[in-house]
Structures are given as structure tokens and as C-alpha cells.
């Protein structure tokens, strides 16, 4: 399977997916750390891909997503954005609503 297919599959198979540097327990950059904190406070499980240990995904995803930086949060197959967008959405309560609705919709299907 080529890298683009792998990315498509990861996005399709995970309701909430974060491409980040490191892991939620050990983020390797401040932007990833802030994004993880916001997501964790939403109270739902999420999948992640450590782009540092997946260099082919790190190289391919910015072109696939048309988004040049990491982290990247995907919810229900849609790119939500990076750290600034996720943090802003969390502060307004939008992120919590988006995450809860995505998880609830997945449970209903």
C-alpha cells in the first residue's frame, strides 16, 4: 500500500485522528502538546500518528491535506486544522461540540 493510501485509510478508519510529533503522553513539540491538551479535555478517545516515527507520512501528508504544518487534527474525515485553530475552537467551546457530535454520530451508525 502506498503512503497516500495509508493516510486515506487512517483518516477513514478513525473518527478523531491527530497527526503529531511524538505521542499524547510524550509530545515532541509545544504545538503538539497544546493540541493534545485541548483534545484530551474534550473527554473522548482519539487516535494519533507520530509523524517523527513515520517519515513517509510526514513527507506526504502536507501535500495530501494541502496543509503545510503539524499537528493536523482530522475529525470525521475532515481536516480541522493545526494548533492555533484547535486551541481557538477549544476556547470557544466549538471543539468540544465537534468532538462529541462526531463520536455520537459514529456510535449511532
N, C-alpha and C. Protein backbone atom coordinates (compact mmCIF):
# COMPACT_ATOMS: atom_id res chain seq x y z
N UNK A 1 0.86 -1.17 0.00
CA UNK A 1 0.00 0.00 0.00
C UNK A 1 0.91 1.24 0.00
N UNK A 2 0.59 2.21 -0.87
CA UNK A 2 1.44 3.40 -0.88
C UNK A 2 1.03 4.35 0.24
N UNK A 3 1.85 5.34 0.48
CA UNK A 3 1.66 6.23 1.63
C UNK A 3 0.34 6.99 1.56
N UNK A 4 -0.04 7.45 0.38
CA UNK A 4 -1.30 8.16 0.24
C UNK A 4 -2.47 7.28 0.62
N UNK A 5 -2.44 6.01 0.21
CA UNK A 5 -3.50 5.06 0.58
C UNK A 5 -3.52 4.83 2.09
N UNK A 6 -2.35 4.75 2.69
CA UNK A 6 -2.25 4.58 4.14
C UNK A 6 -2.91 5.76 4.85
N UNK A 7 -2.60 6.96 4.41
CA UNK A 7 -3.17 8.18 5.01
C UNK A 7 -4.69 8.16 4.86
N UNK A 8 -5.18 7.88 3.65
CA UNK A 8 -6.64 7.82 3.42
C UNK A 8 -7.29 6.84 4.37
N UNK A 9 -6.69 5.67 4.52
CA UNK A 9 -7.23 4.62 5.38
C UNK A 9 -7.24 5.08 6.85
N UNK A 10 -6.16 5.70 7.29
CA UNK A 10 -6.10 6.19 8.68
C UNK A 10 -7.21 7.20 8.94
N UNK A 11 -7.40 8.12 8.00
CA UNK A 11 -8.41 9.17 8.17
C UNK A 11 -9.81 8.58 8.15
N UNK A 12 -10.05 7.62 7.25
CA UNK A 12 -11.37 6.98 7.15
C UNK A 12 -11.70 6.12 8.36
N UNK A 13 -10.69 5.47 8.93
CA UNK A 13 -10.92 4.49 9.99
C UNK A 13 -10.90 5.07 11.40
N UNK A 14 -10.62 6.36 11.54
CA UNK A 14 -10.54 6.98 12.86
C UNK A 14 -11.40 8.25 12.89
N UNK A 15 -12.41 8.24 13.74
CA UNK A 15 -13.31 9.39 13.83
C UNK A 15 -12.53 10.65 14.20
N UNK A 16 -11.64 10.52 15.16
CA UNK A 16 -10.80 11.65 15.59
C UNK A 16 -9.35 11.19 15.47
N UNK A 17 -8.60 11.89 14.64
CA UNK A 17 -7.22 11.49 14.35
C UNK A 17 -6.32 12.71 14.40
N UNK A 18 -5.23 12.59 15.14
CA UNK A 18 -4.26 13.66 15.25
C UNK A 18 -2.92 13.20 14.71
N UNK A 19 -2.45 13.89 13.69
CA UNK A 19 -1.08 13.70 13.21
C UNK A 19 -0.23 14.67 14.00
N UNK A 20 0.75 14.14 14.73
CA UNK A 20 1.50 14.98 15.66
C UNK A 20 2.95 14.54 15.75
N UNK A 21 3.75 15.35 16.42
CA UNK A 21 5.14 14.99 16.70
C UNK A 21 5.17 14.38 18.10
N UNK A 22 5.50 13.10 18.16
CA UNK A 22 5.52 12.38 19.43
C UNK A 22 4.20 11.67 19.67
N UNK A 23 3.91 11.46 20.95
CA UNK A 23 2.67 10.78 21.34
C UNK A 23 1.92 11.68 22.33
N UNK A 24 0.63 11.39 22.57
CA UNK A 24 -0.10 12.21 23.53
C UNK A 24 0.57 12.27 24.91
N UNK A 25 1.20 11.16 25.32
CA UNK A 25 1.89 11.14 26.62
C UNK A 25 3.25 11.80 26.58
N UNK A 26 3.85 11.86 25.38
CA UNK A 26 5.17 12.48 25.24
C UNK A 26 5.24 13.28 23.94
N UNK A 27 4.52 14.41 23.88
CA UNK A 27 4.59 15.23 22.68
C UNK A 27 6.02 15.76 22.49
N UNK A 28 6.44 15.86 21.25
CA UNK A 28 7.81 16.29 20.94
C UNK A 28 7.90 17.73 20.47
N UNK A 29 6.80 18.47 20.56
CA UNK A 29 6.85 19.90 20.28
C UNK A 29 5.71 20.58 21.01
N UNK A 30 5.86 21.85 21.26
CA UNK A 30 4.88 22.61 22.01
C UNK A 30 3.52 22.68 21.33
N UNK A 31 3.52 22.77 20.00
CA UNK A 31 2.26 22.84 19.27
C UNK A 31 1.47 21.54 19.42
N UNK A 32 2.18 20.42 19.31
CA UNK A 32 1.53 19.12 19.51
C UNK A 32 1.02 19.00 20.94
N UNK A 33 1.80 19.47 21.90
CA UNK A 33 1.41 19.39 23.31
C UNK A 33 0.13 20.18 23.56
N UNK A 34 0.05 21.39 23.03
CA UNK A 34 -1.14 22.23 23.25
C UNK A 34 -2.37 21.62 22.58
N UNK A 35 -2.17 21.05 21.40
CA UNK A 35 -3.29 20.43 20.69
C UNK A 35 -3.80 19.21 21.45
N UNK A 36 -2.89 18.39 21.95
CA UNK A 36 -3.26 17.21 22.73
C UNK A 36 -4.01 17.62 24.00
N UNK A 37 -3.55 18.65 24.68
CA UNK A 37 -4.23 19.11 25.91
C UNK A 37 -5.67 19.49 25.61
N UNK A 38 -5.88 20.24 24.53
CA UNK A 38 -7.25 20.66 24.17
C UNK A 38 -8.10 19.43 23.86
N UNK A 39 -7.55 18.51 23.07
CA UNK A 39 -8.30 17.30 22.71
C UNK A 39 -8.63 16.46 23.93
N UNK A 40 -7.66 16.27 24.80
CA UNK A 40 -7.88 15.43 25.99
C UNK A 40 -8.96 16.03 26.88
N UNK A 41 -9.04 17.34 26.94
CA UNK A 41 -10.05 17.98 27.77
C UNK A 41 -11.46 17.82 27.20
N UNK A 42 -11.55 17.38 25.95
CA UNK A 42 -12.87 17.09 25.36
C UNK A 42 -13.44 15.78 25.90
N UNK A 43 -12.56 14.93 26.46
CA UNK A 43 -13.02 13.73 27.14
C UNK A 43 -13.34 12.53 26.25
N UNK A 44 -12.94 12.59 24.99
CA UNK A 44 -13.18 11.45 24.10
C UNK A 44 -11.85 10.86 23.65
N UNK A 45 -11.90 9.58 23.32
CA UNK A 45 -10.69 8.92 22.81
C UNK A 45 -10.39 9.41 21.41
N UNK A 46 -9.12 9.45 21.08
CA UNK A 46 -8.71 9.82 19.73
C UNK A 46 -7.47 9.02 19.34
N UNK A 47 -7.34 8.83 18.05
CA UNK A 47 -6.18 8.13 17.52
C UNK A 47 -5.11 9.16 17.18
N UNK A 48 -3.87 8.70 17.11
CA UNK A 48 -2.80 9.61 16.71
C UNK A 48 -1.79 8.86 15.87
N UNK A 49 -1.06 9.62 15.07
CA UNK A 49 0.06 9.08 14.31
C UNK A 49 1.26 9.97 14.61
N UNK A 50 2.34 9.35 15.08
CA UNK A 50 3.57 10.08 15.35
C UNK A 50 4.31 10.24 14.02
N UNK A 51 4.34 11.46 13.50
CA UNK A 51 4.97 11.68 12.20
C UNK A 51 6.49 11.59 12.28
N UNK A 52 7.06 11.70 13.49
CA UNK A 52 8.51 11.58 13.62
C UNK A 52 8.96 10.15 13.39
N UNK A 53 8.12 9.18 13.75
CA UNK A 53 8.49 7.78 13.52
C UNK A 53 7.88 7.25 12.22
N UNK A 54 7.20 8.12 11.47
CA UNK A 54 6.62 7.78 10.16
C UNK A 54 7.02 8.84 9.13
N UNK A 55 8.30 8.86 8.75
CA UNK A 55 8.79 9.92 7.87
C UNK A 55 8.08 9.99 6.52
N UNK A 56 7.59 8.85 6.02
CA UNK A 56 6.89 8.87 4.73
C UNK A 56 5.55 9.60 4.86
N UNK A 57 4.88 9.43 5.99
CA UNK A 57 3.62 10.16 6.23
C UNK A 57 3.93 11.63 6.45
N UNK A 58 4.99 11.91 7.19
CA UNK A 58 5.39 13.32 7.42
C UNK A 58 5.65 14.03 6.10
N UNK A 59 6.23 13.33 5.15
CA UNK A 59 6.56 13.94 3.86
C UNK A 59 5.34 14.07 2.94
N UNK A 60 4.41 13.14 3.03
CA UNK A 60 3.28 13.08 2.09
C UNK A 60 2.05 13.85 2.57
N UNK A 61 1.78 13.85 3.87
CA UNK A 61 0.55 14.43 4.39
C UNK A 61 0.35 15.91 4.05
N UNK A 62 1.38 16.76 4.14
CA UNK A 62 1.14 18.18 3.81
C UNK A 62 0.59 18.38 2.39
N UNK A 63 1.03 17.60 1.44
CA UNK A 63 0.53 17.69 0.08
C UNK A 63 -0.89 17.13 0.01
N UNK A 64 -1.10 15.97 0.63
CA UNK A 64 -2.42 15.34 0.63
C UNK A 64 -3.46 16.27 1.24
N UNK A 65 -3.12 16.88 2.37
CA UNK A 65 -4.06 17.70 3.13
C UNK A 65 -4.11 19.15 2.64
N UNK A 66 -3.12 19.54 1.84
CA UNK A 66 -2.97 20.93 1.44
C UNK A 66 -2.84 21.81 2.70
N UNK A 67 -2.09 21.29 3.66
CA UNK A 67 -1.85 21.98 4.93
C UNK A 67 -0.39 21.70 5.30
N UNK A 68 0.45 22.73 5.37
CA UNK A 68 1.89 22.50 5.43
C UNK A 68 2.48 22.11 6.79
N UNK A 69 1.74 22.30 7.86
CA UNK A 69 2.36 22.14 9.18
C UNK A 69 1.71 21.03 10.00
N UNK A 70 2.37 20.71 11.11
CA UNK A 70 1.88 19.74 12.08
C UNK A 70 1.81 20.43 13.43
N UNK A 71 0.90 20.01 14.29
CA UNK A 71 -0.03 18.89 14.16
C UNK A 71 -1.18 19.20 13.20
N UNK A 72 -1.87 18.13 12.81
CA UNK A 72 -3.08 18.22 12.00
C UNK A 72 -4.17 17.39 12.67
N UNK A 73 -5.29 18.03 12.94
CA UNK A 73 -6.43 17.32 13.54
C UNK A 73 -7.47 17.05 12.46
N UNK A 74 -7.86 15.78 12.37
CA UNK A 74 -8.91 15.35 11.44
C UNK A 74 -10.08 14.82 12.25
N UNK A 75 -11.28 15.27 11.94
CA UNK A 75 -12.49 14.77 12.59
C UNK A 75 -13.49 14.40 11.51
N UNK A 76 -13.97 13.17 11.57
CA UNK A 76 -14.92 12.66 10.56
C UNK A 76 -14.41 12.84 9.14
N UNK A 77 -13.13 12.57 8.94
CA UNK A 77 -12.57 12.65 7.59
C UNK A 77 -12.28 14.04 7.08
N UNK A 78 -12.46 15.06 7.92
CA UNK A 78 -12.21 16.44 7.51
C UNK A 78 -11.07 17.03 8.31
N UNK A 79 -10.20 17.74 7.60
CA UNK A 79 -9.12 18.44 8.28
C UNK A 79 -9.70 19.64 9.02
N UNK A 80 -9.47 19.68 10.32
CA UNK A 80 -9.95 20.80 11.13
C UNK A 80 -8.89 21.89 11.15
N UNK A 81 -7.64 21.50 11.32
CA UNK A 81 -6.56 22.48 11.30
C UNK A 81 -5.45 22.09 12.25
N UNK A 82 -4.61 23.08 12.55
CA UNK A 82 -3.46 22.87 13.42
C UNK A 82 -3.69 23.43 14.80
N UNK A 83 -2.61 23.65 15.50
CA UNK A 83 -2.64 24.05 16.90
C UNK A 83 -3.46 25.32 17.14
N UNK A 84 -3.21 26.37 16.38
CA UNK A 84 -3.91 27.64 16.62
C UNK A 84 -5.42 27.49 16.46
N UNK A 85 -5.83 26.82 15.40
CA UNK A 85 -7.26 26.63 15.14
C UNK A 85 -7.89 25.76 16.22
N UNK A 86 -7.23 24.67 16.57
CA UNK A 86 -7.76 23.75 17.59
C UNK A 86 -7.86 24.47 18.94
N UNK A 87 -6.84 25.23 19.30
CA UNK A 87 -6.84 25.95 20.57
C UNK A 87 -7.97 26.98 20.60
N UNK A 88 -8.11 27.71 19.52
CA UNK A 88 -9.17 28.72 19.43
C UNK A 88 -10.56 28.06 19.52
N UNK A 89 -10.73 26.95 18.80
CA UNK A 89 -12.00 26.23 18.85
C UNK A 89 -12.29 25.72 20.26
N UNK A 90 -11.25 25.26 20.95
CA UNK A 90 -11.43 24.77 22.31
C UNK A 90 -11.89 25.91 23.22
N UNK A 91 -11.25 27.07 23.08
CA UNK A 91 -11.58 28.22 23.94
C UNK A 91 -13.02 28.69 23.73
N UNK A 92 -13.55 28.54 22.53
CA UNK A 92 -14.93 28.98 22.26
C UNK A 92 -15.96 27.87 22.52
N UNK A 93 -15.47 26.64 22.79
CA UNK A 93 -16.38 25.52 23.03
C UNK A 93 -16.74 24.76 21.77
N UNK A 94 -16.28 25.26 20.62
CA UNK A 94 -16.58 24.63 19.33
C UNK A 94 -15.97 23.23 19.21
N UNK A 95 -14.74 23.08 19.72
CA UNK A 95 -14.04 21.80 19.60
C UNK A 95 -14.78 20.71 20.37
N UNK A 96 -15.20 21.04 21.60
CA UNK A 96 -15.90 20.05 22.42
C UNK A 96 -17.17 19.59 21.70
N UNK A 97 -17.92 20.52 21.13
CA UNK A 97 -19.15 20.19 20.41
C UNK A 97 -18.84 19.31 19.21
N UNK A 98 -17.85 19.70 18.42
CA UNK A 98 -17.47 18.95 17.23
C UNK A 98 -17.07 17.52 17.58
N UNK A 99 -16.23 17.37 18.59
CA UNK A 99 -15.74 16.05 19.00
C UNK A 99 -16.88 15.19 19.54
N UNK A 100 -17.72 15.74 20.41
CA UNK A 100 -18.83 14.98 20.99
C UNK A 100 -19.81 14.53 19.90
N UNK A 101 -20.13 15.44 18.97
CA UNK A 101 -21.06 15.09 17.89
C UNK A 101 -20.47 14.02 16.98
N UNK A 102 -19.19 14.10 16.68
CA UNK A 102 -18.55 13.10 15.81
C UNK A 102 -18.58 11.73 16.47
N UNK A 103 -18.28 11.68 17.76
CA UNK A 103 -18.28 10.40 18.49
C UNK A 103 -19.70 9.84 18.58
N UNK A 104 -20.67 10.71 18.87
CA UNK A 104 -22.07 10.27 18.97
C UNK A 104 -22.57 9.75 17.62
N UNK A 105 -22.24 10.43 16.54
CA UNK A 105 -22.67 10.00 15.21
C UNK A 105 -22.06 8.65 14.86
N UNK A 106 -20.82 8.45 15.23
CA UNK A 106 -20.14 7.17 14.98
C UNK A 106 -20.81 6.05 15.77
N UNK A 107 -21.19 6.34 17.01
CA UNK A 107 -21.85 5.33 17.86
C UNK A 107 -23.22 4.95 17.31
N UNK A 108 -23.90 5.92 16.67
CA UNK A 108 -25.24 5.66 16.11
C UNK A 108 -25.20 4.87 14.81
N UNK A 109 -24.06 4.89 14.14
CA UNK A 109 -24.01 4.23 12.82
C UNK A 109 -23.73 2.76 12.91
